[in-house]
Every structure is written in C-alpha cells, then in structure tokens.
C-alpha cells in the first residue's frame, strides 16, 4: 500500500471519531503518517498534538484497534500537556495546608 493510500486509510478512520472539543486530521511528513489533534474553538492558545503511526500498525490486520488505542493514549498526553501549572512546578510557592481540627499533637 502506498503512502498516499495509507494516509487516506487513516483519514477515513479518523472520520469515525466526532468530538465536541477536538478535531482530528492526518498528514504525511517525510513518508511518516502523523495524526494531529487540535482543540476546536479555543479562546486560549493551545498547541496541536501530533503523533506518528508506526508502519507496522498501518499494515496490521487490527489497524482500527491500534489507531484507537494510540488516539486514546494521545488524548491523555495532550490534556496533560495543557496544564499551565502543577503542584510539582517549583516556581509556584506552596501555601501551607492548615491542620484539621483534632489532629494537632496526635
């Protein structure tokens, strides 16, 4: 199967996914098929998430399931990357956590 027909196959499968917040597309970049995830109608700047599809997954008899697993994994990663700050960010001063009543001196 040629690169353009593999791209078309991925694009056809992505049409099966409809999400109110996300748009899915695919492209070929230097012979590698990539899936792109974009946030629809965003009022804040958010990057496009891109992940490659390995050629063995494109040729696998269970391609649709491999694509779904990769897409769901990528969605998790994409949303995690959207955090502006996390508790692990050392640049953010931590506020002291007040002791709960009845736990002091225990």
C-alpha atoms as a PDB file:
ATOM      1  CA  UNK A   1       0.000   0.000   0.000  1.00  0.00           C
ATOM      2  CA  UNK A   2       1.432   3.398  -0.947  1.00  0.00           C
ATOM      3  CA  UNK A   3       1.948   6.282   1.450  1.00  0.00           C
ATOM      4  CA  UNK A   4      -0.946   8.243  -0.006  1.00  0.00           C
ATOM      5  CA  UNK A   5      -3.337   5.288   0.263  1.00  0.00           C
ATOM      6  CA  UNK A   6      -2.215   4.723   3.866  1.00  0.00           C
ATOM      7  CA  UNK A   7      -2.828   8.403   4.578  1.00  0.00           C
ATOM      8  CA  UNK A   8      -6.287   8.069   3.045  1.00  0.00           C
ATOM      9  CA  UNK A   9      -6.971   4.988   5.192  1.00  0.00           C
ATOM     10  CA  UNK A  10      -6.044   6.909   8.360  1.00  0.00           C
ATOM     11  CA  UNK A  11      -8.124   9.911   7.306  1.00  0.00           C
ATOM     12  CA  UNK A  12     -11.136   7.663   6.675  1.00  0.00           C
ATOM     13  CA  UNK A  13     -10.831   6.067  10.116  1.00  0.00           C
ATOM     14  CA  UNK A  14     -10.488   9.458  11.793  1.00  0.00           C
ATOM     15  CA  UNK A  15     -13.853  10.453  10.276  1.00  0.00           C
ATOM     16  CA  UNK A  16     -15.409   7.853  12.574  1.00  0.00           C
ATOM     17  CA  UNK A  17     -14.426   9.970  15.604  1.00  0.00           C
ATOM     18  CA  UNK A  18     -16.563  13.016  16.376  1.00  0.00           C
ATOM     19  CA  UNK A  19     -15.719  15.041  19.479  1.00  0.00           C
ATOM     20  CA  UNK A  20     -17.274  18.340  20.625  1.00  0.00           C
ATOM     21  CA  UNK A  21     -13.919  19.807  21.714  1.00  0.00           C
ATOM     22  CA  UNK A  22     -11.345  18.182  19.446  1.00  0.00           C
ATOM     23  CA  UNK A  23     -10.635  17.962  15.718  1.00  0.00           C
ATOM     24  CA  UNK A  24      -8.661  15.069  14.251  1.00  0.00           C
ATOM     25  CA  UNK A  25      -6.697  15.055  11.000  1.00  0.00           C
ATOM     26  CA  UNK A  26      -3.766  13.253   9.414  1.00  0.00           C
ATOM     27  CA  UNK A  27      -0.857  14.169   7.188  1.00  0.00           C
ATOM     28  CA  UNK A  28       2.189  12.597   5.645  1.00  0.00           C
ATOM     29  CA  UNK A  29       5.546  14.091   6.631  1.00  0.00           C
ATOM     30  CA  UNK A  30       8.694  12.645   5.030  1.00  0.00           C
ATOM     31  CA  UNK A  31       6.991   9.296   4.492  1.00  0.00           C
ATOM     32  CA  UNK A  32       5.583   9.110   8.032  1.00  0.00           C
ATOM     33  CA  UNK A  33       1.830   9.235   8.622  1.00  0.00           C
ATOM     34  CA  UNK A  34       1.007  11.549  11.527  1.00  0.00           C
ATOM     35  CA  UNK A  35      -2.250  12.157  13.358  1.00  0.00           C
ATOM     36  CA  UNK A  36      -2.977  15.715  14.507  1.00  0.00           C
ATOM     37  CA  UNK A  37      -5.273  16.672  17.370  1.00  0.00           C
ATOM     38  CA  UNK A  38      -6.473  20.259  17.623  1.00  0.00           C
ATOM     39  CA  UNK A  39      -8.701  21.966  20.146  1.00  0.00           C
ATOM     40  CA  UNK A  40     -11.800  23.369  18.427  1.00  0.00           C
ATOM     41  CA  UNK A  41     -12.905  26.953  19.052  1.00  0.00           C
ATOM     42  CA  UNK A  42     -10.280  27.650  21.674  1.00  0.00           C
ATOM     43  CA  UNK A  43     -10.115  31.083  23.268  1.00  0.00           C
ATOM     44  CA  UNK A  44      -6.620  30.319  24.585  1.00  0.00           C
ATOM     45  CA  UNK A  45      -3.599  29.320  22.514  1.00  0.00           C
ATOM     46  CA  UNK A  46      -3.134  25.553  22.681  1.00  0.00           C
ATOM     47  CA  UNK A  47      -0.647  23.604  20.617  1.00  0.00           C
ATOM     48  CA  UNK A  48      -1.534  20.955  18.079  1.00  0.00           C
ATOM     49  CA  UNK A  49      -0.703  17.481  19.338  1.00  0.00           C
ATOM     50  CA  UNK A  50       0.974  15.282  16.728  1.00  0.00           C
ATOM     51  CA  UNK A  51       1.801  11.588  16.930  1.00  0.00           C
ATOM     52  CA  UNK A  52       3.248   9.264  14.288  1.00  0.00           C
ATOM     53  CA  UNK A  53       1.697   5.962  13.333  1.00  0.00           C
ATOM     54  CA  UNK A  54       4.262   3.202  13.032  1.00  0.00           C
ATOM     55  CA  UNK A  55       4.270   1.454   9.632  1.00  0.00           C
ATOM     56  CA  UNK A  56       3.694  -1.953  11.290  1.00  0.00           C
ATOM     57  CA  UNK A  57       0.458  -0.571  12.813  1.00  0.00           C
ATOM     58  CA  UNK A  58      -0.696   0.684   9.426  1.00  0.00           C
ATOM     59  CA  UNK A  59      -0.239  -2.805   7.967  1.00  0.00           C
ATOM     60  CA  UNK A  60      -1.667  -4.694  10.955  1.00  0.00           C
ATOM     61  CA  UNK A  61      -4.935  -6.608  10.422  1.00  0.00           C
ATOM     62  CA  UNK A  62      -6.259  -4.906  13.581  1.00  0.00           C
ATOM     63  CA  UNK A  63      -5.324  -1.412  12.357  1.00  0.00           C
ATOM     64  CA  UNK A  64      -8.566   0.181  13.588  1.00  0.00           C
ATOM     65  CA  UNK A  65      -7.967  -1.025  17.154  1.00  0.00           C
ATOM     66  CA  UNK A  66      -4.318   0.044  17.104  1.00  0.00           C
ATOM     67  CA  UNK A  67      -5.323   3.502  15.900  1.00  0.00           C
ATOM     68  CA  UNK A  68      -7.974   3.790  18.616  1.00  0.00           C
ATOM     69  CA  UNK A  69      -5.515   2.793  21.349  1.00  0.00           C
ATOM     70  CA  UNK A  70      -2.937   5.282  20.070  1.00  0.00           C
ATOM     71  CA  UNK A  71      -5.552   8.014  19.768  1.00  0.00           C
ATOM     72  CA  UNK A  72      -6.820   7.490  23.319  1.00  0.00           C
ATOM     73  CA  UNK A  73      -3.268   7.415  24.689  1.00  0.00           C
ATOM     74  CA  UNK A  74      -2.503  10.614  22.778  1.00  0.00           C
ATOM     75  CA  UNK A  75      -5.613  12.327  24.170  1.00  0.00           C
ATOM     76  CA  UNK A  76      -4.390  11.630  27.680  1.00  0.00           C
ATOM     77  CA  UNK A  77      -0.952  13.023  26.878  1.00  0.00           C
ATOM     78  CA  UNK A  78      -2.416  16.057  25.081  1.00  0.00           C
ATOM     79  CA  UNK A  79      -4.594  17.062  28.023  1.00  0.00           C
ATOM     80  CA  UNK A  80      -1.757  16.560  30.482  1.00  0.00           C
ATOM     81  CA  UNK A  81       0.474  18.793  28.350  1.00  0.00           C
ATOM     82  CA  UNK A  82      -2.159  21.550  28.549  1.00  0.00           C
ATOM     83  CA  UNK A  83      -1.510  22.145  32.252  1.00  0.00           C
ATOM     84  CA  UNK A  84      -0.117  25.616  32.838  1.00  0.00           C
ATOM     85  CA  UNK A  85       0.947  24.767  36.379  1.00  0.00           C
ATOM     86  CA  UNK A  86       1.061  21.667  38.549  1.00  0.00           C
ATOM     87  CA  UNK A  87       1.984  21.083  42.197  1.00  0.00           C
ATOM     88  CA  UNK A  88       5.384  19.875  41.003  1.00  0.00           C
ATOM     89  CA  UNK A  89       6.190  23.288  39.496  1.00  0.00           C
ATOM     90  CA  UNK A  90       8.876  24.696  41.804  1.00  0.00           C
ATOM     91  CA  UNK A  91       8.261  28.244  40.573  1.00  0.00           C
ATOM     92  CA  UNK A  92       4.888  28.278  42.333  1.00  0.00           C
ATOM     93  CA  UNK A  93       5.008  28.982  46.070  1.00  0.00           C
ATOM     94  CA  UNK A  94       3.155  26.347  48.033  1.00  0.00           C
ATOM     95  CA  UNK A  95       0.576  27.523  50.501  1.00  0.00           C
ATOM     96  CA  UNK A  96       0.669  25.842  53.886  1.00  0.00           C
ATOM     97  CA  UNK A  97      -2.020  23.256  54.421  1.00  0.00           C
ATOM     98  CA  UNK A  98      -3.903  24.026  57.624  1.00  0.00           C
ATOM     99  CA  UNK A  99      -4.121  21.204  60.146  1.00  0.00           C
ATOM    100  CA  UNK A 100      -7.532  19.652  60.510  1.00  0.00           C
ATOM    101  CA  UNK A 101      -9.285  20.095  63.837  1.00  0.00           C
ATOM    102  CA  UNK A 102      -8.473  17.389  66.331  1.00  0.00           C
ATOM    103  CA  UNK A 103      -5.287  16.296  64.565  1.00  0.00           C
ATOM    104  CA  UNK A 104      -2.775  18.647  66.161  1.00  0.00           C
ATOM    105  CA  UNK A 105      -0.441  16.954  68.579  1.00  0.00           C
ATOM    106  CA  UNK A 106      -1.633  13.474  67.619  1.00  0.00           C
END
